[in-house]
């Protein structure tokens, strides 16, 4: 191939990367100041941070029990779909109003057909 084709390809790749970075960090992209201002709340407790994360990441869960001790939050949930149900526990460590660590334990429960004796 000709050298100018390679040069145009390289410049196009650099321009696309720079454009995407500019969009994601500008005032109009997903990491805008308005987004951070809407989600940042100084008065949020670790429990509220974990529940907000659960709702945004796993909206289909039915949150049944929540226990919080300091910056550790445990959420017991049940999720149903057409194949059965899933029950589990998510354990969060919250640091400076952000999810620092997440551990998850879950078990799928499928419907067991009843058998005649």
PDB file of N, CA and C in Angstrom:
ATOM      1  N   UNK A   1       0.841  -1.190   0.000  1.00  0.00           N
ATOM      2  CA  UNK A   1       0.000   0.000   0.000  1.00  0.00           C
ATOM      3  C   UNK A   1       0.876   1.240   0.000  1.00  0.00           C
ATOM      4  N   UNK A   2       0.257   2.285  -0.366  1.00  0.00           N
ATOM      5  CA  UNK A   2       0.991   3.546  -0.397  1.00  0.00           C
ATOM      6  C   UNK A   2       1.138   4.103   1.012  1.00  0.00           C
ATOM      7  N   UNK A   3       2.178   4.834   1.213  1.00  0.00           N
ATOM      8  CA  UNK A   3       2.491   5.406   2.526  1.00  0.00           C
ATOM      9  C   UNK A   3       1.402   6.367   2.980  1.00  0.00           C
ATOM     10  N   UNK A   4       0.856   7.149   2.073  1.00  0.00           N
ATOM     11  CA  UNK A   4      -0.152   8.135   2.476  1.00  0.00           C
ATOM     12  C   UNK A   4      -1.412   7.466   2.994  1.00  0.00           C
ATOM     13  N   UNK A   5      -1.726   6.248   2.532  1.00  0.00           N
ATOM     14  CA  UNK A   5      -2.898   5.535   3.032  1.00  0.00           C
ATOM     15  C   UNK A   5      -2.679   5.151   4.493  1.00  0.00           C
ATOM     16  N   UNK A   6      -1.477   4.697   4.811  1.00  0.00           N
ATOM     17  CA  UNK A   6      -1.148   4.356   6.193  1.00  0.00           C
ATOM     18  C   UNK A   6      -1.199   5.590   7.091  1.00  0.00           C
ATOM     19  N   UNK A   7      -0.659   6.679   6.598  1.00  0.00           N
ATOM     20  CA  UNK A   7      -0.651   7.920   7.378  1.00  0.00           C
ATOM     21  C   UNK A   7      -2.078   8.391   7.643  1.00  0.00           C
ATOM     22  N   UNK A   8      -2.954   8.339   6.637  1.00  0.00           N
ATOM     23  CA  UNK A   8      -4.348   8.739   6.829  1.00  0.00           C
ATOM     24  C   UNK A   8      -5.054   7.811   7.826  1.00  0.00           C
ATOM     25  N   UNK A   9      -4.763   6.523   7.747  1.00  0.00           N
ATOM     26  CA  UNK A   9      -5.349   5.580   8.700  1.00  0.00           C
ATOM     27  C   UNK A   9      -4.919   5.870  10.127  1.00  0.00           C
ATOM     28  N   UNK A  10      -3.659   6.150  10.316  1.00  0.00           N
ATOM     29  CA  UNK A  10      -3.144   6.474  11.651  1.00  0.00           C
ATOM     30  C   UNK A  10      -3.766   7.761  12.162  1.00  0.00           C
ATOM     31  N   UNK A  11      -3.805   8.789  11.312  1.00  0.00           N
ATOM     32  CA  UNK A  11      -4.398  10.062  11.732  1.00  0.00           C
ATOM     33  C   UNK A  11      -5.881   9.910  12.036  1.00  0.00           C
ATOM     34  N   UNK A  12      -6.581   9.101  11.249  1.00  0.00           N
ATOM     35  CA  UNK A  12      -8.005   8.855  11.517  1.00  0.00           C
ATOM     36  C   UNK A  12      -8.209   8.154  12.851  1.00  0.00           C
ATOM     37  N   UNK A  13      -7.363   7.192  13.165  1.00  0.00           N
ATOM     38  CA  UNK A  13      -7.450   6.498  14.451  1.00  0.00           C
ATOM     39  C   UNK A  13      -7.183   7.422  15.622  1.00  0.00           C
ATOM     40  N   UNK A  14      -6.200   8.283  15.470  1.00  0.00           N
ATOM     41  CA  UNK A  14      -5.902   9.244  16.533  1.00  0.00           C
ATOM     42  C   UNK A  14      -7.047  10.225  16.696  1.00  0.00           C
ATOM     43  N   UNK A  15      -7.612  10.710  15.609  1.00  0.00           N
ATOM     44  CA  UNK A  15      -8.715  11.670  15.677  1.00  0.00           C
ATOM     45  C   UNK A  15      -9.948  11.040  16.319  1.00  0.00           C
ATOM     46  N   UNK A  16     -10.234   9.781  15.970  1.00  0.00           N
ATOM     47  CA  UNK A  16     -11.406   9.120  16.552  1.00  0.00           C
ATOM     48  C   UNK A  16     -11.232   8.935  18.051  1.00  0.00           C
ATOM     49  N   UNK A  17     -10.031   8.535  18.474  1.00  0.00           N
ATOM     50  CA  UNK A  17      -9.763   8.353  19.912  1.00  0.00           C
ATOM     51  C   UNK A  17      -9.859   9.676  20.647  1.00  0.00           C
ATOM     52  N   UNK A  18      -9.270  10.721  20.089  1.00  0.00           N
ATOM     53  CA  UNK A  18      -9.318  12.034  20.739  1.00  0.00           C
ATOM     54  C   UNK A  18     -10.750  12.556  20.791  1.00  0.00           C
ATOM     55  N   UNK A  19     -11.518  12.331  19.737  1.00  0.00           N
ATOM     56  CA  UNK A  19     -12.920  12.781  19.718  1.00  0.00           C
ATOM     57  C   UNK A  19     -13.751  12.060  20.752  1.00  0.00           C
ATOM     58  N   UNK A  20     -13.556  10.739  20.875  1.00  0.00           N
ATOM     59  CA  UNK A  20     -14.308   9.965  21.867  1.00  0.00           C
ATOM     60  C   UNK A  20     -13.941  10.405  23.281  1.00  0.00           C
ATOM     61  N   UNK A  21     -12.659  10.613  23.541  1.00  0.00           N
ATOM     62  CA  UNK A  21     -12.222  11.057  24.864  1.00  0.00           C
ATOM     63  C   UNK A  21     -12.807  12.433  25.178  1.00  0.00           C
ATOM     64  N   UNK A  22     -12.824  13.313  24.188  1.00  0.00           N
ATOM     65  CA  UNK A  22     -13.401  14.636  24.397  1.00  0.00           C
ATOM     66  C   UNK A  22     -14.886  14.576  24.686  1.00  0.00           C
ATOM     67  N   UNK A  23     -15.599  13.666  24.003  1.00  0.00           N
ATOM     68  CA  UNK A  23     -17.042  13.540  24.217  1.00  0.00           C
ATOM     69  C   UNK A  23     -17.347  12.979  25.603  1.00  0.00           C
ATOM     70  N   UNK A  24     -16.583  11.971  26.053  1.00  0.00           N
ATOM     71  CA  UNK A  24     -16.883  11.343  27.338  1.00  0.00           C
ATOM     72  C   UNK A  24     -16.505  12.216  28.519  1.00  0.00           C
ATOM     73  N   UNK A  25     -15.616  13.164  28.329  1.00  0.00           N
ATOM     74  CA  UNK A  25     -15.217  14.022  29.443  1.00  0.00           C
ATOM     75  C   UNK A  25     -15.731  15.447  29.306  1.00  0.00           C
ATOM     76  N   UNK A  26     -16.500  15.728  28.267  1.00  0.00           N
ATOM     77  CA  UNK A  26     -17.016  17.083  28.071  1.00  0.00           C
ATOM     78  C   UNK A  26     -18.253  17.302  28.942  1.00  0.00           C
ATOM     79  N   UNK A  27     -18.825  18.472  28.818  1.00  0.00           N
ATOM     80  CA  UNK A  27     -20.028  18.770  29.592  1.00  0.00           C
ATOM     81  C   UNK A  27     -21.267  18.119  28.995  1.00  0.00           C
ATOM     82  N   UNK A  28     -21.133  17.435  27.848  1.00  0.00           N
ATOM     83  CA  UNK A  28     -22.278  16.799  27.203  1.00  0.00           C
ATOM     84  C   UNK A  28     -22.226  15.280  27.222  1.00  0.00           C
ATOM     85  N   UNK A  29     -21.101  14.696  27.577  1.00  0.00           N
ATOM     86  CA  UNK A  29     -20.941  13.248  27.531  1.00  0.00           C
ATOM     87  C   UNK A  29     -21.430  12.565  28.803  1.00  0.00           C
ATOM     88  N   UNK A  30     -21.243  11.244  28.883  1.00  0.00           N
ATOM     89  CA  UNK A  30     -21.721  10.489  30.043  1.00  0.00           C
ATOM     90  C   UNK A  30     -20.988  10.819  31.333  1.00  0.00           C
ATOM     91  N   UNK A  31     -19.799  11.391  31.243  1.00  0.00           N
ATOM     92  CA  UNK A  31     -19.061  11.776  32.450  1.00  0.00           C
ATOM     93  C   UNK A  31     -19.122  13.288  32.662  1.00  0.00           C
ATOM     94  N   UNK A  32     -20.232  13.878  32.376  1.00  0.00           N
ATOM     95  CA  UNK A  32     -20.354  15.325  32.470  1.00  0.00           C
ATOM     96  C   UNK A  32     -20.440  15.769  33.917  1.00  0.00           C
ATOM     97  N   UNK A  33     -20.200  17.037  34.123  1.00  0.00           N
ATOM     98  CA  UNK A  33     -20.301  17.602  35.471  1.00  0.00           C
ATOM     99  C   UNK A  33     -21.726  17.497  35.993  1.00  0.00           C
ATOM    100  N   UNK A  34     -22.699  17.637  35.118  1.00  0.00           N
ATOM    101  CA  UNK A  34     -24.103  17.528  35.541  1.00  0.00           C
ATOM    102  C   UNK A  34     -24.403  16.121  36.042  1.00  0.00           C
ATOM    103  N   UNK A  35     -23.829  15.097  35.382  1.00  0.00           N
ATOM    104  CA  UNK A  35     -24.043  13.715  35.830  1.00  0.00           C
ATOM    105  C   UNK A  35     -23.467  13.522  37.227  1.00  0.00           C
ATOM    106  N   UNK A  36     -22.220  13.943  37.424  1.00  0.00           N
ATOM    107  CA  UNK A  36     -21.606  13.771  38.735  1.00  0.00           C
ATOM    108  C   UNK A  36     -22.328  14.583  39.802  1.00  0.00           C
ATOM    109  N   UNK A  37     -22.818  15.757  39.444  1.00  0.00           N
ATOM    110  CA  UNK A  37     -23.552  16.568  40.421  1.00  0.00           C
ATOM    111  C   UNK A  37     -24.861  15.900  40.802  1.00  0.00           C
ATOM    112  N   UNK A  38     -25.486  15.189  39.857  1.00  0.00           N
ATOM    113  CA  UNK A  38     -26.761  14.546  40.169  1.00  0.00           C
ATOM    114  C   UNK A  38     -26.590  13.303  41.019  1.00  0.00           C
ATOM    115  N   UNK A  39     -25.470  12.600  40.898  1.00  0.00           N
ATOM    116  CA  UNK A  39     -25.287  11.371  41.674  1.00  0.00           C
ATOM    117  C   UNK A  39     -24.486  11.583  42.947  1.00  0.00           C
ATOM    118  N   UNK A  40     -23.778  12.675  43.051  1.00  0.00           N
ATOM    119  CA  UNK A  40     -22.966  12.910  44.233  1.00  0.00           C
ATOM    120  C   UNK A  40     -23.812  13.607  45.291  1.00  0.00           C
ATOM    121  N   UNK A  41     -23.928  12.971  46.406  1.00  0.00           N
ATOM    122  CA  UNK A  41     -24.676  13.529  47.517  1.00  0.00           C
ATOM    123  C   UNK A  41     -23.861  13.289  48.771  1.00  0.00           C
ATOM    124  N   UNK A  42     -23.429  14.341  49.396  1.00  0.00           N
ATOM    125  CA  UNK A  42     -22.536  14.239  50.543  1.00  0.00           C
ATOM    126  C   UNK A  42     -23.187  13.493  51.695  1.00  0.00           C
ATOM    127  N   UNK A  43     -24.502  13.550  51.794  1.00  0.00           N
ATOM    128  CA  UNK A  43     -25.174  12.958  52.943  1.00  0.00           C
ATOM    129  C   UNK A  43     -25.588  11.503  52.731  1.00  0.00           C
ATOM    130  N   UNK A  44     -25.189  10.866  51.632  1.00  0.00           N
ATOM    131  CA  UNK A  44     -25.569   9.473  51.394  1.00  0.00           C
ATOM    132  C   UNK A  44     -24.818   8.553  52.361  1.00  0.00           C
ATOM    133  N   UNK A  45     -25.559   7.669  52.969  1.00  0.00           N
ATOM    134  CA  UNK A  45     -24.959   6.675  53.856  1.00  0.00           C
ATOM    135  C   UNK A  45     -24.459   5.500  53.018  1.00  0.00           C
ATOM    136  N   UNK A  46     -23.585   4.657  53.571  1.00  0.00           N
ATOM    137  CA  UNK A  46     -23.158   3.473  52.820  1.00  0.00           C
ATOM    138  C   UNK A  46     -24.337   2.601  52.400  1.00  0.00           C
ATOM    139  N   UNK A  47     -25.363   2.509  53.226  1.00  0.00           N
ATOM    140  CA  UNK A  47     -26.559   1.725  52.887  1.00  0.00           C
ATOM    141  C   UNK A  47     -27.238   2.301  51.646  1.00  0.00           C
ATOM    142  N   UNK A  48     -27.398   3.618  51.595  1.00  0.00           N
ATOM    143  CA  UNK A  48     -28.032   4.262  50.448  1.00  0.00           C
ATOM    144  C   UNK A  48     -27.191   4.118  49.183  1.00  0.00           C
ATOM    145  N   UNK A  49     -25.859   4.167  49.308  1.00  0.00           N
ATOM    146  CA  UNK A  49     -24.982   3.999  48.158  1.00  0.00           C
ATOM    147  C   UNK A  49     -25.134   2.595  47.586  1.00  0.00           C
ATOM    148  N   UNK A  50     -25.135   1.572  48.456  1.00  0.00           N
ATOM    149  CA  UNK A  50     -25.275   0.189  47.996  1.00  0.00           C
ATOM    150  C   UNK A  50     -26.634  -0.039  47.347  1.00  0.00           C
ATOM    151  N   UNK A  51     -27.697   0.501  47.924  1.00  0.00           N
ATOM    152  CA  UNK A  51     -29.025   0.325  47.336  1.00  0.00           C
ATOM    153  C   UNK A  51     -29.148   1.050  46.000  1.00  0.00           C
ATOM    154  N   UNK A  52     -28.542   2.220  45.887  1.00  0.00           N
ATOM    155  CA  UNK A  52     -28.562   2.934  44.603  1.00  0.00           C
ATOM    156  C   UNK A  52     -27.808   2.138  43.541  1.00  0.00           C
ATOM    157  N   UNK A  53     -26.696   1.514  43.931  1.00  0.00           N
ATOM    158  CA  UNK A  53     -25.952   0.679  42.998  1.00  0.00           C
ATOM    159  C   UNK A  53     -26.783  -0.535  42.583  1.00  0.00           C
ATOM    160  N   UNK A  54     -27.438  -1.175  43.539  1.00  0.00           N
ATOM    161  CA  UNK A  54     -28.286  -2.338  43.243  1.00  0.00           C
ATOM    162  C   UNK A  54     -29.391  -1.962  42.253  1.00  0.00           C
ATOM    163  N   UNK A  55     -30.047  -0.832  42.484  1.00  0.00           N
ATOM    164  CA  UNK A  55     -31.142  -0.413  41.607  1.00  0.00           C
ATOM    165  C   UNK A  55     -30.645  -0.095  40.201  1.00  0.00           C
ATOM    166  N   UNK A  56     -29.485   0.562  40.092  1.00  0.00           N
ATOM    167  CA  UNK A  56     -29.011   0.933  38.766  1.00  0.00           C
ATOM    168  C   UNK A  56     -28.410  -0.252  38.011  1.00  0.00           C
ATOM    169  N   UNK A  57     -27.750  -1.170  38.716  1.00  0.00           N
ATOM    170  CA  UNK A  57     -27.109  -2.299  38.043  1.00  0.00           C
ATOM    171  C   UNK A  57     -28.035  -3.493  37.869  1.00  0.00           C
ATOM    172  N   UNK A  58     -28.885  -3.731  38.849  1.00  0.00           N
ATOM    173  CA  UNK A  58     -29.727  -4.934  38.848  1.00  0.00           C
ATOM    174  C   UNK A  58     -31.166  -4.549  39.134  1.00  0.00           C
ATOM    175  N   UNK A  59     -31.781  -3.791  38.292  1.00  0.00           N
ATOM    176  CA  UNK A  59     -33.125  -3.284  38.519  1.00  0.00           C
ATOM    177  C   UNK A  59     -34.178  -4.357  38.716  1.00  0.00           C
ATOM    178  N   UNK A  60     -33.924  -5.572  38.237  1.00  0.00           N
ATOM    179  CA  UNK A  60     -34.933  -6.616  38.323  1.00  0.00           C
ATOM    180  C   UNK A  60     -34.977  -7.287  39.690  1.00  0.00           C
ATOM    181  N   UNK A  61     -34.008  -7.040  40.555  1.00  0.00           N
ATOM    182  CA  UNK A  61     -33.996  -7.673  41.874  1.00  0.00           C
ATOM    183  C   UNK A  61     -35.134  -7.166  42.744  1.00  0.00           C
ATOM    184  N   UNK A  62     -35.616  -8.009  43.602  1.00  0.00           N
ATOM    185  CA  UNK A  62     -36.535  -7.618  44.655  1.00  0.00           C
ATOM    186  C   UNK A  62     -35.719  -7.625  45.946  1.00  0.00           C
ATOM    187  N   UNK A  63     -35.328  -6.436  46.405  1.00  0.00           N
ATOM    188  CA  UNK A  63     -34.457  -6.361  47.599  1.00  0.00           C
ATOM    189  C   UNK A  63     -35.289  -6.639  48.830  1.00  0.00           C
ATOM    190  N   UNK A  64     -34.935  -7.736  49.541  1.00  0.00           N
ATOM    191  CA  UNK A  64     -35.728  -8.186  50.675  1.00  0.00           C
ATOM    192  C   UNK A  64     -35.142  -7.769  52.022  1.00  0.00           C
ATOM    193  N   UNK A  65     -33.832  -7.876  52.169  1.00  0.00           N
ATOM    194  CA  UNK A  65     -33.197  -7.542  53.436  1.00  0.00           C
ATOM    195  C   UNK A  65     -31.917  -6.761  53.178  1.00  0.00           C
ATOM    196  N   UNK A  66     -31.691  -5.749  53.999  1.00  0.00           N
ATOM    197  CA  UNK A  66     -30.473  -4.952  53.905  1.00  0.00           C
ATOM    198  C   UNK A  66     -29.930  -4.778  55.308  1.00  0.00           C
ATOM    199  N   UNK A  67     -28.635  -5.063  55.476  1.00  0.00           N
ATOM    200  CA  UNK A  67     -27.979  -4.866  56.770  1.00  0.00           C
ATOM    201  C   UNK A  67     -26.707  -4.072  56.531  1.00  0.00           C
ATOM    202  N   UNK A  68     -26.471  -3.089  57.372  1.00  0.00           N
ATOM    203  CA  UNK A  68     -25.283  -2.254  57.234  1.00  0.00           C
ATOM    204  C   UNK A  68     -24.581  -2.143  58.577  1.00  0.00           C
ATOM    205  N   UNK A  69     -23.267  -2.235  58.551  1.00  0.00           N
ATOM    206  CA  UNK A  69     -22.442  -2.063  59.736  1.00  0.00           C
ATOM    207  C   UNK A  69     -21.232  -1.245  59.323  1.00  0.00           C
ATOM    208  N   UNK A  70     -21.254   0.035  59.637  1.00  0.00           N
ATOM    209  CA  UNK A  70     -20.167   0.910  59.215  1.00  0.00           C
ATOM    210  C   UNK A  70     -20.179   1.052  57.706  1.00  0.00           C
ATOM    211  N   UNK A  71     -19.049   0.705  57.073  1.00  0.00           N
ATOM    212  CA  UNK A  71     -18.972   0.832  55.614  1.00  0.00           C
ATOM    213  C   UNK A  71     -19.200  -0.504  54.898  1.00  0.00           C
ATOM    214  N   UNK A  72     -19.665  -1.526  55.605  1.00  0.00           N
ATOM    215  CA  UNK A  72     -19.996  -2.816  55.015  1.00  0.00           C
ATOM    216  C   UNK A  72     -21.524  -2.930  54.929  1.00  0.00           C
ATOM    217  N   UNK A  73     -22.026  -3.261  53.738  1.00  0.00           N
ATOM    218  CA  UNK A  73     -23.471  -3.379  53.517  1.00  0.00           C
ATOM    219  C   UNK A  73     -23.749  -4.741  52.877  1.00  0.00           C
ATOM    220  N   UNK A  74     -24.747  -5.452  53.412  1.00  0.00           N
ATOM    221  CA  UNK A  74     -25.161  -6.741  52.856  1.00  0.00           C
ATOM    222  C   UNK A  74     -26.589  -6.624  52.352  1.00  0.00           C
ATOM    223  N   UNK A  75     -26.821  -7.086  51.132  1.00  0.00           N
ATOM    224  CA  UNK A  75     -28.139  -7.018  50.517  1.00  0.00           C
ATOM    225  C   UNK A  75     -28.557  -8.433  50.120  1.00  0.00           C
ATOM    226  N   UNK A  76     -29.659  -8.910  50.696  1.00  0.00           N
ATOM    227  CA  UNK A  76     -30.222 -10.210  50.326  1.00  0.00           C
ATOM    228  C   UNK A  76     -31.318  -9.933  49.318  1.00  0.00           C
ATOM    229  N   UNK A  77     -31.300 -10.634  48.180  1.00  0.00           N
ATOM    230  CA  UNK A  77     -32.267 -10.351  47.125  1.00  0.00           C
ATOM    231  C   UNK A  77     -32.823 -11.635  46.544  1.00  0.00           C
ATOM    232  N   UNK A  78     -33.904 -11.466  45.809  1.00  0.00           N
ATOM    233  CA  UNK A  78     -34.502 -12.551  45.041  1.00  0.00           C
ATOM    234  C   UNK A  78     -34.863 -11.999  43.676  1.00  0.00           C
ATOM    235  N   UNK A  79     -34.508 -12.719  42.636  1.00  0.00           N
ATOM    236  CA  UNK A  79     -34.777 -12.297  41.268  1.00  0.00           C
ATOM    237  C   UNK A  79     -35.510 -13.429  40.569  1.00  0.00           C
ATOM    238  N   UNK A  80     -36.623 -13.108  39.911  1.00  0.00           N
ATOM    239  CA  UNK A  80     -37.413 -14.127  39.216  1.00  0.00           C
ATOM    240  C   UNK A  80     -37.392 -13.862  37.717  1.00  0.00           C
ATOM    241  N   UNK A  81     -37.391 -14.962  36.952  1.00  0.00           N
ATOM    242  CA  UNK A  81     -37.537 -14.868  35.509  1.00  0.00           C
ATOM    243  C   UNK A  81     -38.272 -16.112  35.035  1.00  0.00           C
ATOM    244  N   UNK A  82     -38.380 -16.302  33.734  1.00  0.00           N
ATOM    245  CA  UNK A  82     -39.157 -17.425  33.210  1.00  0.00           C
ATOM    246  C   UNK A  82     -38.512 -18.787  33.467  1.00  0.00           C
ATOM    247  N   UNK A  83     -37.236 -18.813  33.815  1.00  0.00           N
ATOM    248  CA  UNK A  83     -36.561 -20.083  34.087  1.00  0.00           C
ATOM    249  C   UNK A  83     -36.559 -20.456  35.563  1.00  0.00           C
ATOM    250  N   UNK A  84     -37.048 -19.612  36.416  1.00  0.00           N
ATOM    251  CA  UNK A  84     -37.049 -19.882  37.846  1.00  0.00           C
ATOM    252  C   UNK A  84     -36.699 -18.640  38.627  1.00  0.00           C
ATOM    253  N   UNK A  85     -36.011 -18.853  39.725  1.00  0.00           N
ATOM    254  CA  UNK A  85     -35.650 -17.729  40.585  1.00  0.00           C
ATOM    255  C   UNK A  85     -34.189 -17.848  40.983  1.00  0.00           C
ATOM    256  N   UNK A  86     -33.626 -16.730  41.347  1.00  0.00           N
ATOM    257  CA  UNK A  86     -32.276 -16.682  41.867  1.00  0.00           C
ATOM    258  C   UNK A  86     -32.318 -15.935  43.186  1.00  0.00           C
ATOM    259  N   UNK A  87     -31.702 -16.507  44.189  1.00  0.00           N
ATOM    260  CA  UNK A  87     -31.563 -15.814  45.465  1.00  0.00           C
ATOM    261  C   UNK A  87     -30.081 -15.615  45.705  1.00  0.00           C
ATOM    262  N   UNK A  88     -29.756 -14.550  46.391  1.00  0.00           N
ATOM    263  CA  UNK A  88     -28.349 -14.289  46.630  1.00  0.00           C
ATOM    264  C   UNK A  88     -28.121 -13.195  47.640  1.00  0.00           C
ATOM    265  N   UNK A  89     -26.854 -12.995  47.923  1.00  0.00           N
ATOM    266  CA  UNK A  89     -26.422 -11.949  48.839  1.00  0.00           C
ATOM    267  C   UNK A  89     -25.283 -11.195  48.163  1.00  0.00           C
ATOM    268  N   UNK A  90     -25.396  -9.887  48.127  1.00  0.00           N
ATOM    269  CA  UNK A  90     -24.310  -9.019  47.668  1.00  0.00           C
ATOM    270  C   UNK A  90     -23.750  -8.321  48.890  1.00  0.00           C
ATOM    271  N   UNK A  91     -22.430  -8.322  49.015  1.00  0.00           N
ATOM    272  CA  UNK A  91     -21.761  -7.658  50.136  1.00  0.00           C
ATOM    273  C   UNK A  91     -20.892  -6.558  49.544  1.00  0.00           C
ATOM    274  N   UNK A  92     -21.067  -5.361  50.051  1.00  0.00           N
ATOM    275  CA  UNK A  92     -20.361  -4.190  49.545  1.00  0.00           C
ATOM    276  C   UNK A  92     -19.476  -3.593  50.623  1.00  0.00           C
ATOM    277  N   UNK A  93     -18.334  -3.072  50.186  1.00  0.00           N
ATOM    278  CA  UNK A  93     -17.526  -2.198  51.034  1.00  0.00           C
ATOM    279  C   UNK A  93     -17.551  -0.833  50.368  1.00  0.00           C
ATOM    280  N   UNK A  94     -18.066   0.145  51.094  1.00  0.00           N
ATOM    281  CA  UNK A  94     -18.233   1.493  50.564  1.00  0.00           C
ATOM    282  C   UNK A  94     -17.089   2.360  51.090  1.00  0.00           C
ATOM    283  N   UNK A  95     -16.461   3.112  50.193  1.00  0.00           N
ATOM    284  CA  UNK A  95     -15.373   4.012  50.572  1.00  0.00           C
ATOM    285  C   UNK A  95     -15.608   5.353  49.902  1.00  0.00           C
ATOM    286  N   UNK A  96     -15.758   6.381  50.687  1.00  0.00           N
ATOM    287  CA  UNK A  96     -15.992   7.749  50.207  1.00  0.00           C
ATOM    288  C   UNK A  96     -17.184   7.810  49.252  1.00  0.00           C
ATOM    289  N   UNK A  97     -18.308   7.236  49.676  1.00  0.00           N
ATOM    290  CA  UNK A  97     -19.570   7.222  48.950  1.00  0.00           C
ATOM    291  C   UNK A  97     -19.476   6.543  47.594  1.00  0.00           C
ATOM    292  N   UNK A  98     -18.556   5.582  47.454  1.00  0.00           N
ATOM    293  CA  UNK A  98     -18.414   4.820  46.217  1.00  0.00           C
ATOM    294  C   UNK A  98     -18.243   3.343  46.571  1.00  0.00           C
ATOM    295  N   UNK A  99     -18.674   2.473  45.676  1.00  0.00           N
ATOM    296  CA  UNK A  99     -18.508   1.040  45.882  1.00  0.00           C
ATOM    297  C   UNK A  99     -17.044   0.705  45.635  1.00  0.00           C
ATOM    298  N   UNK A 100     -16.337   0.339  46.696  1.00  0.00           N
ATOM    299  CA  UNK A 100     -14.927  -0.009  46.580  1.00  0.00           C
ATOM    300  C   UNK A 100     -14.752  -1.492  46.258  1.00  0.00           C
ATOM    301  N   UNK A 101     -15.585  -2.341  46.873  1.00  0.00           N
ATOM    302  CA  UNK A 101     -15.522  -3.778  46.626  1.00  0.00           C
ATOM    303  C   UNK A 101     -16.932  -4.344  46.644  1.00  0.00           C
ATOM    304  N   UNK A 102     -17.114  -5.418  45.873  1.00  0.00           N
ATOM    305  CA  UNK A 102     -18.412  -6.103  45.847  1.00  0.00           C
ATOM    306  C   UNK A 102     -18.164  -7.599  45.781  1.00  0.00           C
ATOM    307  N   UNK A 103     -18.798  -8.322  46.686  1.00  0.00           N
ATOM    308  CA  UNK A 103     -18.761  -9.770  46.680  1.00  0.00           C
ATOM    309  C   UNK A 103     -20.189 -10.241  46.468  1.00  0.00           C
ATOM    310  N   UNK A 104     -20.370 -11.312  45.715  1.00  0.00           N
ATOM    311  CA  UNK A 104     -21.702 -11.780  45.424  1.00  0.00           C
ATOM    312  C   UNK A 104     -21.772 -13.296  45.563  1.00  0.00           C
ATOM    313  N   UNK A 105     -22.824 -13.751  46.197  1.00  0.00           N
ATOM    314  CA  UNK A 105     -23.105 -15.174  46.325  1.00  0.00           C
ATOM    315  C   UNK A 105     -24.533 -15.354  45.840  1.00  0.00           C
ATOM    316  N   UNK A 106     -24.744 -16.257  44.872  1.00  0.00           N
ATOM    317  CA  UNK A 106     -26.102 -16.457  44.377  1.00  0.00           C
ATOM    318  C   UNK A 106     -26.329 -17.934  44.089  1.00  0.00           C
ATOM    319  N   UNK A 107     -27.593 -18.304  44.090  1.00  0.00           N
ATOM    320  CA  UNK A 107     -27.984 -19.675  43.807  1.00  0.00           C
ATOM    321  C   UNK A 107     -29.248 -19.653  42.966  1.00  0.00           C
ATOM    322  N   UNK A 108     -29.193 -20.341  41.845  1.00  0.00           N
ATOM    323  CA  UNK A 108     -30.377 -20.447  40.979  1.00  0.00           C
ATOM    324  C   UNK A 108     -31.298 -21.514  41.515  1.00  0.00           C
ATOM    325  N   UNK A 109     -32.566 -21.205  41.545  1.00  0.00           N
ATOM    326  CA  UNK A 109     -33.568 -22.164  41.997  1.00  0.00           C
ATOM    327  C   UNK A 109     -34.528 -22.381  40.847  1.00  0.00           C
ATOM    328  N   UNK A 110     -34.557 -23.586  40.334  1.00  0.00           N
ATOM    329  CA  UNK A 110     -35.484 -23.891  39.254  1.00  0.00           C
ATOM    330  C   UNK A 110     -36.676 -24.637  39.829  1.00  0.00           C
ATOM    331  N   UNK A 111     -37.772 -24.512  39.155  1.00  0.00           N
ATOM    332  CA  UNK A 111     -38.983 -25.197  39.601  1.00  0.00           C
ATOM    333  C   UNK A 111     -38.791 -26.698  39.425  1.00  0.00           C
ATOM    334  N   UNK A 112     -39.094 -27.463  40.461  1.00  0.00           N
ATOM    335  CA  UNK A 112     -38.979 -28.914  40.431  1.00  0.00           C
ATOM    336  C   UNK A 112     -40.340 -29.493  40.121  1.00  0.00           C
ATOM    337  N   UNK A 113     -40.453 -30.238  39.015  1.00  0.00           N
ATOM    338  CA  UNK A 113     -41.775 -30.810  38.698  1.00  0.00           C
ATOM    339  C   UNK A 113     -42.141 -31.870  39.719  1.00  0.00           C
ATOM    340  N   UNK A 114     -43.386 -31.867  40.094  1.00  0.00           N
ATOM    341  CA  UNK A 114     -43.838 -32.871  41.061  1.00  0.00           C
ATOM    342  C   UNK A 114     -44.051 -34.198  40.328  1.00  0.00           C
ATOM    343  N   UNK A 115     -43.663 -35.275  40.969  1.00  0.00           N
ATOM    344  CA  UNK A 115     -43.821 -36.574  40.340  1.00  0.00           C
ATOM    345  C   UNK A 115     -44.881 -37.372  41.098  1.00  0.00           C
ATOM    346  N   UNK A 116     -45.673 -38.098  40.375  1.00  0.00           N
ATOM    347  CA  UNK A 116     -46.730 -38.900  40.994  1.00  0.00           C
ATOM    348  C   UNK A 116     -46.110 -40.171  41.567  1.00  0.00           C
ATOM    349  N   UNK A 117     -46.538 -40.600  42.761  1.00  0.00           N
ATOM    350  CA  UNK A 117     -45.971 -41.826  43.359  1.00  0.00           C
ATOM    351  C   UNK A 117     -46.390 -43.090  42.663  1.00  0.00           C
TER     352      UNK A 117
END
